[in-house]
Amino acid sequence: SLAVGRGASLPMIGKLFGHSQWSTTQRYAHLADDILRRINDETG
């Protein structure tokens, strides 16, 4: 979750964790609401 919040992609994180499937990594990378709000505000 912290890595995603710092801008790391799920494929990068999956490689760090040794995952071979995208769906496995997705379960580890929860986005905090404040990060989603920040991205929404910056994009807007």
All heavy atoms as atom14 arrays in JSON, in Angstrom:
{
  "sequence": "SLAVGRGASLPMIGKLFGHSQWSTTQRYAHLADDILRRINDETG",
  "atom14_mask": [
    [1, 1, 1, 1, 1, 1, 0, 0, 0, 0, 0, 0, 0, 0],
    [1, 1, 1, 1, 1, 1, 1, 1, 0, 0, 0, 0, 0, 0],
    [1, 1, 1, 1, 1, 0, 0, 0, 0, 0, 0, 0, 0, 0],
    [1, 1, 1, 1, 1, 1, 1, 0, 0, 0, 0, 0, 0, 0],
    [1, 1, 1, 1, 0, 0, 0, 0, 0, 0, 0, 0, 0, 0],
    [1, 1, 1, 1, 1, 1, 1, 1, 1, 1, 1, 0, 0, 0],
    [1, 1, 1, 1, 0, 0, 0, 0, 0, 0, 0, 0, 0, 0],
    [1, 1, 1, 1, 1, 0, 0, 0, 0, 0, 0, 0, 0, 0],
    [1, 1, 1, 1, 1, 1, 0, 0, 0, 0, 0, 0, 0, 0],
    [1, 1, 1, 1, 1, 1, 1, 1, 0, 0, 0, 0, 0, 0],
    [1, 1, 1, 1, 1, 1, 1, 0, 0, 0, 0, 0, 0, 0],
    [1, 1, 1, 1, 1, 1, 1, 1, 0, 0, 0, 0, 0, 0],
    [1, 1, 1, 1, 1, 1, 1, 1, 0, 0, 0, 0, 0, 0],
    [1, 1, 1, 1, 0, 0, 0, 0, 0, 0, 0, 0, 0, 0],
    [1, 1, 1, 1, 1, 1, 1, 1, 1, 0, 0, 0, 0, 0],
    [1, 1, 1, 1, 1, 1, 1, 1, 0, 0, 0, 0, 0, 0],
    [1, 1, 1, 1, 1, 1, 1, 1, 1, 1, 1, 0, 0, 0],
    [1, 1, 1, 1, 0, 0, 0, 0, 0, 0, 0, 0, 0, 0],
    [1, 1, 1, 1, 1, 1, 1, 1, 1, 1, 0, 0, 0, 0],
    [1, 1, 1, 1, 1, 1, 0, 0, 0, 0, 0, 0, 0, 0],
    [1, 1, 1, 1, 1, 1, 1, 1, 1, 0, 0, 0, 0, 0],
    [1, 1, 1, 1, 1, 1, 1, 1, 1, 1, 1, 1, 1, 1],
    [1, 1, 1, 1, 1, 1, 0, 0, 0, 0, 0, 0, 0, 0],
    [1, 1, 1, 1, 1, 1, 1, 0, 0, 0, 0, 0, 0, 0],
    [1, 1, 1, 1, 1, 1, 1, 0, 0, 0, 0, 0, 0, 0],
    [1, 1, 1, 1, 1, 1, 1, 1, 1, 0, 0, 0, 0, 0],
    [1, 1, 1, 1, 1, 1, 1, 1, 1, 1, 1, 0, 0, 0],
    [1, 1, 1, 1, 1, 1, 1, 1, 1, 1, 1, 1, 0, 0],
    [1, 1, 1, 1, 1, 0, 0, 0, 0, 0, 0, 0, 0, 0],
    [1, 1, 1, 1, 1, 1, 1, 1, 1, 1, 0, 0, 0, 0],
    [1, 1, 1, 1, 1, 1, 1, 1, 0, 0, 0, 0, 0, 0],
    [1, 1, 1, 1, 1, 0, 0, 0, 0, 0, 0, 0, 0, 0],
    [1, 1, 1, 1, 1, 1, 1, 1, 0, 0, 0, 0, 0, 0],
    [1, 1, 1, 1, 1, 1, 1, 1, 0, 0, 0, 0, 0, 0],
    [1, 1, 1, 1, 1, 1, 1, 1, 0, 0, 0, 0, 0, 0],
    [1, 1, 1, 1, 1, 1, 1, 1, 0, 0, 0, 0, 0, 0],
    [1, 1, 1, 1, 1, 1, 1, 1, 1, 1, 1, 0, 0, 0],
    [1, 1, 1, 1, 1, 1, 1, 1, 1, 1, 1, 0, 0, 0],
    [1, 1, 1, 1, 1, 1, 1, 1, 0, 0, 0, 0, 0, 0],
    [1, 1, 1, 1, 1, 1, 1, 1, 0, 0, 0, 0, 0, 0],
    [1, 1, 1, 1, 1, 1, 1, 1, 0, 0, 0, 0, 0, 0],
    [1, 1, 1, 1, 1, 1, 1, 1, 1, 0, 0, 0, 0, 0],
    [1, 1, 1, 1, 1, 1, 1, 0, 0, 0, 0, 0, 0, 0],
    [1, 1, 1, 1, 0, 0, 0, 0, 0, 0, 0, 0, 0, 0]
  ],
  "atom14_positions": [
    [[0.82, -1.21, 0.0], [0.0, 0.0, 0.0], [0.85, 1.26, 0.0], [0.57, 2.21, -0.73], [-0.92, 0.01, 1.23], [-1.82, -1.07, 1.16], [0.0, 0.0, 0.0], [0.0, 0.0, 0.0], [0.0, 0.0, 0.0], [0.0, 0.0, 0.0], [0.0, 0.0, 0.0], [0.0, 0.0, 0.0], [0.0, 0.0, 0.0], [0.0, 0.0, 0.0]],
    [[1.9, 1.26, 0.81], [2.8, 2.42, 0.85], [3.51, 2.6, -0.48], [3.68, 3.73, -0.96], [3.82, 2.27, 1.98], [3.26, 2.39, 3.39], [4.31, 1.97, 4.42], [2.8, 3.81, 3.65], [0.0, 0.0, 0.0], [0.0, 0.0, 0.0], [0.0, 0.0, 0.0], [0.0, 0.0, 0.0], [0.0, 0.0, 0.0], [0.0, 0.0, 0.0]],
    [[3.93, 1.51, -1.1], [4.63, 1.59, -2.38], [3.72, 2.16, -3.46], [4.13, 3.01, -4.25], [5.16, 0.22, -2.79], [0.0, 0.0, 0.0], [0.0, 0.0, 0.0], [0.0, 0.0, 0.0], [0.0, 0.0, 0.0], [0.0, 0.0, 0.0], [0.0, 0.0, 0.0], [0.0, 0.0, 0.0], [0.0, 0.0, 0.0], [0.0, 0.0, 0.0]],
    [[2.47, 1.72, -3.49], [1.51, 2.26, -4.46], [1.31, 3.75, -4.2], [1.29, 4.56, -5.14], [0.16, 1.52, -4.39], [-0.93, 2.27, -5.14], [0.3, 0.13, -4.97], [0.0, 0.0, 0.0], [0.0, 0.0, 0.0], [0.0, 0.0, 0.0], [0.0, 0.0, 0.0], [0.0, 0.0, 0.0], [0.0, 0.0, 0.0], [0.0, 0.0, 0.0]],
    [[1.2, 4.13, -2.95], [1.03, 5.53, -2.59], [2.2, 6.4, -3.0], [2.05, 7.61, -3.22], [0.0, 0.0, 0.0], [0.0, 0.0, 0.0], [0.0, 0.0, 0.0], [0.0, 0.0, 0.0], [0.0, 0.0, 0.0], [0.0, 0.0, 0.0], [0.0, 0.0, 0.0], [0.0, 0.0, 0.0], [0.0, 0.0, 0.0], [0.0, 0.0, 0.0]],
    [[3.38, 5.8, -3.14], [4.58, 6.54, -3.55], [4.76, 6.5, -5.06], [5.74, 7.0, -5.59], [5.82, 5.96, -2.87], [5.78, 5.96, -1.37], [6.29, 7.2, -0.74], [7.64, 7.48, -1.24], [8.12, 8.72, -1.31], [7.4, 9.73, -0.95], [9.33, 8.92, -1.75], [0.0, 0.0, 0.0], [0.0, 0.0, 0.0], [0.0, 0.0, 0.0]],
    [[3.82, 5.87, -5.77], [3.86, 5.88, -7.22], [4.39, 4.61, -7.87], [4.5, 4.55, -9.09], [0.0, 0.0, 0.0], [0.0, 0.0, 0.0], [0.0, 0.0, 0.0], [0.0, 0.0, 0.0], [0.0, 0.0, 0.0], [0.0, 0.0, 0.0], [0.0, 0.0, 0.0], [0.0, 0.0, 0.0], [0.0, 0.0, 0.0], [0.0, 0.0, 0.0]],
    [[4.71, 3.59, -7.1], [5.18, 2.34, -7.69], [4.0, 1.64, -8.38], [2.88, 1.66, -7.87], [5.77, 1.42, -6.62], [0.0, 0.0, 0.0], [0.0, 0.0, 0.0], [0.0, 0.0, 0.0], [0.0, 0.0, 0.0], [0.0, 0.0, 0.0], [0.0, 0.0, 0.0], [0.0, 0.0, 0.0], [0.0, 0.0, 0.0], [0.0, 0.0, 0.0]],
    [[4.26, 1.04, -9.51], [3.21, 0.34, -10.24], [2.99, -1.04, -9.62], [3.89, -1.59, -8.96], [3.58, 0.19, -11.71], [4.69, -0.69, -11.85], [0.0, 0.0, 0.0], [0.0, 0.0, 0.0], [0.0, 0.0, 0.0], [0.0, 0.0, 0.0], [0.0, 0.0, 0.0], [0.0, 0.0, 0.0], [0.0, 0.0, 0.0], [0.0, 0.0, 0.0]],
    [[1.82, -1.61, -9.85], [1.55, -2.96, -9.34], [2.51, -3.99, -9.93], [2.95, -4.89, -9.21], [0.1, -3.35, -9.57], [-0.91, -2.58, -8.72], [-2.33, -3.05, -9.03], [-0.62, -2.71, -7.25], [0.0, 0.0, 0.0], [0.0, 0.0, 0.0], [0.0, 0.0, 0.0], [0.0, 0.0, 0.0], [0.0, 0.0, 0.0], [0.0, 0.0, 0.0]],
    [[2.88, -3.9, -11.23], [3.88, -4.86, -11.73], [5.22, -4.75, -10.99], [5.87, -5.76, -10.71], [4.04, -4.49, -13.21], [2.71, -3.89, -13.57], [2.29, -3.14, -12.33], [0.0, 0.0, 0.0], [0.0, 0.0, 0.0], [0.0, 0.0, 0.0], [0.0, 0.0, 0.0], [0.0, 0.0, 0.0], [0.0, 0.0, 0.0], [0.0, 0.0, 0.0]],
    [[5.64, -3.52, -10.64], [6.89, -3.35, -9.87], [6.77, -4.02, -8.51], [7.67, -4.74, -8.07], [7.18, -1.87, -9.63], [7.75, -1.12, -10.77], [8.06, 0.54, -10.12], [8.11, 1.45, -11.63], [0.0, 0.0, 0.0], [0.0, 0.0, 0.0], [0.0, 0.0, 0.0], [0.0, 0.0, 0.0], [0.0, 0.0, 0.0], [0.0, 0.0, 0.0]],
    [[5.66, -3.76, -7.84], [5.46, -4.32, -6.5], [5.38, -5.84, -6.57], [5.94, -6.54, -5.74], [4.2, -3.72, -5.85], [4.4, -2.21, -5.66], [3.89, -4.4, -4.52], [3.13, -1.46, -5.35], [0.0, 0.0, 0.0], [0.0, 0.0, 0.0], [0.0, 0.0, 0.0], [0.0, 0.0, 0.0], [0.0, 0.0, 0.0], [0.0, 0.0, 0.0]],
    [[4.69, -6.34, -7.59], [4.6, -7.79, -7.77], [5.96, -8.42, -7.93], [6.23, -9.5, -7.39], [0.0, 0.0, 0.0], [0.0, 0.0, 0.0], [0.0, 0.0, 0.0], [0.0, 0.0, 0.0], [0.0, 0.0, 0.0], [0.0, 0.0, 0.0], [0.0, 0.0, 0.0], [0.0, 0.0, 0.0], [0.0, 0.0, 0.0], [0.0, 0.0, 0.0]],
    [[6.84, -7.75, -8.65], [8.2, -8.27, -8.83], [8.94, -8.28, -7.5], [9.64, -9.24, -7.17], [8.94, -7.41, -9.85], [9.93, -8.16, -10.68], [10.26, -7.33, -11.89], [11.14, -7.95, -12.87], [10.92, -9.11, -13.53], [0.0, 0.0, 0.0], [0.0, 0.0, 0.0], [0.0, 0.0, 0.0], [0.0, 0.0, 0.0], [0.0, 0.0, 0.0]],
    [[8.77, -7.22, -6.71], [9.39, -7.17, -5.39], [8.91, -8.31, -4.49], [9.68, -8.89, -3.73], [9.1, -5.83, -4.69], [9.8, -4.6, -5.25], [9.21, -3.34, -4.61], [11.29, -4.68, -5.0], [0.0, 0.0, 0.0], [0.0, 0.0, 0.0], [0.0, 0.0, 0.0], [0.0, 0.0, 0.0], [0.0, 0.0, 0.0], [0.0, 0.0, 0.0]],
    [[7.62, -8.61, -4.6], [7.03, -9.66, -3.77], [7.24, -11.06, -4.34], [6.95, -12.05, -3.68], [5.52, -9.43, -3.61], [5.15, -8.31, -2.67], [3.87, -7.81, -2.68], [6.05, -7.76, -1.79], [3.49, -6.79, -1.82], [5.69, -6.73, -0.93], [4.41, -6.25, -0.95], [0.0, 0.0, 0.0], [0.0, 0.0, 0.0], [0.0, 0.0, 0.0]],
    [[7.7, -11.13, -5.59], [7.88, -12.44, -6.2], [6.58, -13.04, -6.72], [6.49, -14.26, -6.89], [0.0, 0.0, 0.0], [0.0, 0.0, 0.0], [0.0, 0.0, 0.0], [0.0, 0.0, 0.0], [0.0, 0.0, 0.0], [0.0, 0.0, 0.0], [0.0, 0.0, 0.0], [0.0, 0.0, 0.0], [0.0, 0.0, 0.0], [0.0, 0.0, 0.0]],
    [[5.6, -12.2, -7.0], [4.32, -12.69, -7.52], [4.43, -12.93, -9.03], [5.06, -12.16, -9.74], [3.21, -11.67, -7.28], [2.9, -11.46, -5.84], [2.24, -10.35, -5.38], [3.14, -12.21, -4.74], [2.09, -10.43, -4.07], [2.64, -11.55, -3.67], [0.0, 0.0, 0.0], [0.0, 0.0, 0.0], [0.0, 0.0, 0.0], [0.0, 0.0, 0.0]],
    [[3.77, -13.96, -9.49], [3.74, -14.23, -10.93], [2.41, -13.78, -11.54], [2.29, -13.73, -12.76], [3.97, -15.72, -11.2], [2.96, -16.48, -10.57], [0.0, 0.0, 0.0], [0.0, 0.0, 0.0], [0.0, 0.0, 0.0], [0.0, 0.0, 0.0], [0.0, 0.0, 0.0], [0.0, 0.0, 0.0], [0.0, 0.0, 0.0], [0.0, 0.0, 0.0]],
    [[1.42, -13.46, -10.7], [0.11, -13.06, -11.22], [-0.29, -11.69, -10.68], [-0.13, -11.4, -9.49], [-0.96, -14.09, -10.83], [-0.73, -15.43, -11.49], [-1.85, -16.39, -11.18], [-2.66, -16.15, -10.28], [-1.92, -17.47, -11.93], [0.0, 0.0, 0.0], [0.0, 0.0, 0.0], [0.0, 0.0, 0.0], [0.0, 0.0, 0.0], [0.0, 0.0, 0.0]],
    [[-0.82, -10.88, -11.57], [-1.27, -9.53, -11.26], [-2.33, -9.53, -10.14], [-2.31, -8.69, -9.25], [-1.83, -8.94, -12.55], [-2.79, -7.85, -12.47], [-4.15, -7.96, -12.41], [-2.53, -6.45, -12.46], [-4.74, -6.73, -12.37], [-3.75, -5.78, -12.4], [-1.36, -5.71, -12.49], [-3.83, -4.4, -12.36], [-1.47, -4.34, -12.47], [-2.68, -3.7, -12.41]],
    [[-3.24, -10.48, -10.18], [-4.34, -10.5, -9.21], [-3.83, -10.7, -7.78], [-4.43, -10.2, -6.83], [-5.35, -11.58, -9.55], [-4.73, -12.86, -9.58], [0.0, 0.0, 0.0], [0.0, 0.0, 0.0], [0.0, 0.0, 0.0], [0.0, 0.0, 0.0], [0.0, 0.0, 0.0], [0.0, 0.0, 0.0], [0.0, 0.0, 0.0], [0.0, 0.0, 0.0]],
    [[-2.73, -11.4, -7.62], [-2.16, -11.59, -6.28], [-1.66, -10.26, -5.73], [-1.94, -9.92, -4.58], [-1.0, -12.61, -6.34], [-1.49, -13.82, -6.91], [-0.44, -12.87, -4.96], [0.0, 0.0, 0.0], [0.0, 0.0, 0.0], [0.0, 0.0, 0.0], [0.0, 0.0, 0.0], [0.0, 0.0, 0.0], [0.0, 0.0, 0.0], [0.0, 0.0, 0.0]],
    [[-0.96, -9.51, -6.54], [-0.42, -8.22, -6.11], [-1.52, -7.24, -5.79], [-1.42, -6.47, -4.83], [0.52, -7.63, -7.18], [1.49, -8.62, -7.52], [1.23, -6.39, -6.67], [0.0, 0.0, 0.0], [0.0, 0.0, 0.0], [0.0, 0.0, 0.0], [0.0, 0.0, 0.0], [0.0, 0.0, 0.0], [0.0, 0.0, 0.0], [0.0, 0.0, 0.0]],
    [[-2.61, -7.25, -6.55], [-3.72, -6.33, -6.31], [-4.24, -6.45, -4.89], [-4.62, -5.46, -4.29], [-4.86, -6.6, -7.29], [-4.67, -5.95, -8.62], [-5.9, -6.13, -9.48], [-6.32, -7.25, -9.75], [-6.47, -5.03, -9.9], [0.0, 0.0, 0.0], [0.0, 0.0, 0.0], [0.0, 0.0, 0.0], [0.0, 0.0, 0.0], [0.0, 0.0, 0.0]],
    [[-4.26, -7.64, -4.34], [-4.77, -7.84, -2.98], [-3.88, -7.19, -1.93], [-4.32, -6.9, -0.83], [-4.94, -9.32, -2.69], [-6.04, -9.97, -3.5], [-6.36, -11.34, -2.97], [-5.23, -12.24, -3.03], [-5.08, -13.21, -3.91], [-6.0, -13.41, -4.82], [-4.03, -13.98, -3.87], [0.0, 0.0, 0.0], [0.0, 0.0, 0.0], [0.0, 0.0, 0.0]],
    [[-2.62, -6.96, -2.26], [-1.69, -6.36, -1.32], [-1.67, -4.84, -1.38], [-1.17, -4.21, -0.48], [-0.26, -6.86, -1.58], [0.0, -8.23, -1.05], [-0.29, -9.35, -1.8], [0.53, -8.4, 0.22], [-0.05, -10.62, -1.31], [0.77, -9.67, 0.72], [0.48, -10.77, -0.06], [0.72, -12.01, 0.44], [0.0, 0.0, 0.0], [0.0, 0.0, 0.0]],
    [[-2.14, -4.27, -2.43], [-1.93, -2.85, -2.67], [-3.22, -2.06, -2.47], [-3.87, -1.66, -3.42], [-1.38, -2.64, -4.08], [0.0, 0.0, 0.0], [0.0, 0.0, 0.0], [0.0, 0.0, 0.0], [0.0, 0.0, 0.0], [0.0, 0.0, 0.0], [0.0, 0.0, 0.0], [0.0, 0.0, 0.0], [0.0, 0.0, 0.0], [0.0, 0.0, 0.0]],
    [[-3.59, -1.85, -1.26], [-4.78, -1.07, -0.94], [-4.44, 0.41, -0.98], [-3.45, 0.83, -0.4], [-5.29, -1.42, 0.47], [-5.46, -2.88, 0.67], [-6.48, -3.58, 0.1], [-4.72, -3.77, 1.35], [-6.37, -4.85, 0.44], [-5.31, -4.99, 1.2], [0.0, 0.0, 0.0], [0.0, 0.0, 0.0], [0.0, 0.0, 0.0], [0.0, 0.0, 0.0]],
    [[-5.25, 1.17, -1.66], [-5.03, 2.61, -1.73], [-5.77, 3.29, -0.59], [-6.96, 3.08, -0.4], [-5.51, 3.16, -3.06], [-4.7, 2.73, -4.27], [-5.4, 3.19, -5.54], [-3.31, 3.3, -4.21], [0.0, 0.0, 0.0], [0.0, 0.0, 0.0], [0.0, 0.0, 0.0], [0.0, 0.0, 0.0], [0.0, 0.0, 0.0], [0.0, 0.0, 0.0]],
    [[-5.06, 4.11, 0.13], [-5.68, 4.88, 1.2], [-6.55, 5.98, 0.59], [-6.23, 6.51, -0.47], [-4.61, 5.48, 2.1], [0.0, 0.0, 0.0], [0.0, 0.0, 0.0], [0.0, 0.0, 0.0], [0.0, 0.0, 0.0], [0.0, 0.0, 0.0], [0.0, 0.0, 0.0], [0.0, 0.0, 0.0], [0.0, 0.0, 0.0], [0.0, 0.0, 0.0]],
    [[-7.63, 6.31, 1.25], [-8.55, 7.33, 0.75], [-7.86, 8.67, 0.52], [-8.15, 9.36, -0.45], [-9.72, 7.53, 1.72], [-10.7, 6.37, 1.69], [-10.7, 5.61, 0.7], [-11.46, 6.23, 2.66], [0.0, 0.0, 0.0], [0.0, 0.0, 0.0], [0.0, 0.0, 0.0], [0.0, 0.0, 0.0], [0.0, 0.0, 0.0], [0.0, 0.0, 0.0]],
    [[-6.92, 9.05, 1.39], [-6.26, 10.34, 1.22], [-5.4, 10.37, -0.04], [-5.29, 11.4, -0.7], [-5.44, 10.72, 2.45], [-4.36, 9.71, 2.8], [-4.55, 8.51, 2.58], [-3.31, 10.14, 3.31], [0.0, 0.0, 0.0], [0.0, 0.0, 0.0], [0.0, 0.0, 0.0], [0.0, 0.0, 0.0], [0.0, 0.0, 0.0], [0.0, 0.0, 0.0]],
    [[-4.83, 9.24, -0.41], [-4.05, 9.17, -1.64], [-4.97, 9.32, -2.85], [-4.66, 10.06, -3.79], [-3.25, 7.85, -1.72], [-2.21, 7.81, -0.61], [-2.6, 7.67, -3.1], [-1.59, 6.44, -0.41], [0.0, 0.0, 0.0], [0.0, 0.0, 0.0], [0.0, 0.0, 0.0], [0.0, 0.0, 0.0], [0.0, 0.0, 0.0], [0.0, 0.0, 0.0]],
    [[-6.11, 8.64, -2.82], [-7.07, 8.77, -3.91], [-7.57, 10.2, -4.05], [-7.68, 10.73, -5.16], [-8.26, 7.82, -3.69], [-7.95, 6.34, -3.79], [-9.17, 5.52, -3.38], [-7.52, 5.97, -5.19], [0.0, 0.0, 0.0], [0.0, 0.0, 0.0], [0.0, 0.0, 0.0], [0.0, 0.0, 0.0], [0.0, 0.0, 0.0], [0.0, 0.0, 0.0]],
    [[-7.84, 10.85, -2.91], [-8.29, 12.25, -2.95], [-7.22, 13.15, -3.54], [-7.51, 14.03, -4.34], [-8.65, 12.73, -1.54], [-10.12, 12.58, -1.24], [-10.49, 13.27, 0.08], [-11.0, 12.24, 0.96], [-10.34, 11.65, 1.95], [-9.14, 12.02, 2.27], [-10.89, 10.71, 2.67], [0.0, 0.0, 0.0], [0.0, 0.0, 0.0], [0.0, 0.0, 0.0]],
    [[-5.97, 12.94, -3.14], [-4.88, 13.76, -3.65], [-4.74, 13.6, -5.16], [-4.63, 14.59, -5.9], [-3.57, 13.39, -2.97], [-2.44, 14.37, -3.34], [-1.07, 13.9, -2.89], [-0.63, 12.91, -3.86], [-0.03, 11.77, -3.56], [0.21, 11.45, -2.31], [0.35, 10.93, -4.48], [0.0, 0.0, 0.0], [0.0, 0.0, 0.0], [0.0, 0.0, 0.0]],
    [[-4.78, 12.37, -5.65], [-4.67, 12.13, -7.09], [-5.85, 12.76, -7.82], [-5.68, 13.39, -8.86], [-4.58, 10.62, -7.38], [-3.24, 10.08, -6.88], [-4.75, 10.33, -8.88], [-3.15, 8.57, -6.87], [0.0, 0.0, 0.0], [0.0, 0.0, 0.0], [0.0, 0.0, 0.0], [0.0, 0.0, 0.0], [0.0, 0.0, 0.0], [0.0, 0.0, 0.0]],
    [[-7.04, 12.62, -7.27], [-8.23, 13.22, -7.87], [-8.08, 14.74, -7.95], [-8.33, 15.35, -8.99], [-9.47, 12.84, -7.06], [-10.72, 13.38, -7.66], [-11.08, 13.04, -8.79], [-11.4, 14.25, -6.93], [0.0, 0.0, 0.0], [0.0, 0.0, 0.0], [0.0, 0.0, 0.0], [0.0, 0.0, 0.0], [0.0, 0.0, 0.0], [0.0, 0.0, 0.0]],
    [[-7.67, 15.36, -6.86], [-7.52, 16.82, -6.82], [-6.44, 17.3, -7.78], [-6.64, 18.27, -8.51], [-7.2, 17.3, -5.39], [-8.36, 17.1, -4.44], [-9.5, 16.86, -4.89], [-8.11, 17.18, -3.21], [0.0, 0.0, 0.0], [0.0, 0.0, 0.0], [0.0, 0.0, 0.0], [0.0, 0.0, 0.0], [0.0, 0.0, 0.0], [0.0, 0.0, 0.0]],
    [[-5.28, 16.62, -7.77], [-4.19, 17.03, -8.65], [-4.58, 16.88, -10.12], [-4.28, 17.74, -10.95], [-2.93, 16.21, -8.36], [-2.28, 16.58, -7.04], [-1.12, 15.66, -6.67], [-0.81, 14.72, -7.46], [-0.53, 15.87, -5.6], [0.0, 0.0, 0.0], [0.0, 0.0, 0.0], [0.0, 0.0, 0.0], [0.0, 0.0, 0.0], [0.0, 0.0, 0.0]],
    [[-5.25, 15.79, -10.46], [-5.67, 15.57, -11.84], [-6.71, 16.6, -12.25], [-6.64, 17.16, -13.35], [-6.21, 14.14, -12.02], [-5.21, 13.21, -11.6], [-6.61, 13.86, -13.45], [0.0, 0.0, 0.0], [0.0, 0.0, 0.0], [0.0, 0.0, 0.0], [0.0, 0.0, 0.0], [0.0, 0.0, 0.0], [0.0, 0.0, 0.0], [0.0, 0.0, 0.0]],
    [[-7.65, 16.88, -11.38], [-8.66, 17.9, -11.67], [-8.04, 19.28, -11.85], [-8.42, 20.02, -12.77], [0.0, 0.0, 0.0], [0.0, 0.0, 0.0], [0.0, 0.0, 0.0], [0.0, 0.0, 0.0], [0.0, 0.0, 0.0], [0.0, 0.0, 0.0], [0.0, 0.0, 0.0], [0.0, 0.0, 0.0], [0.0, 0.0, 0.0], [0.0, 0.0, 0.0]]
  ]
}
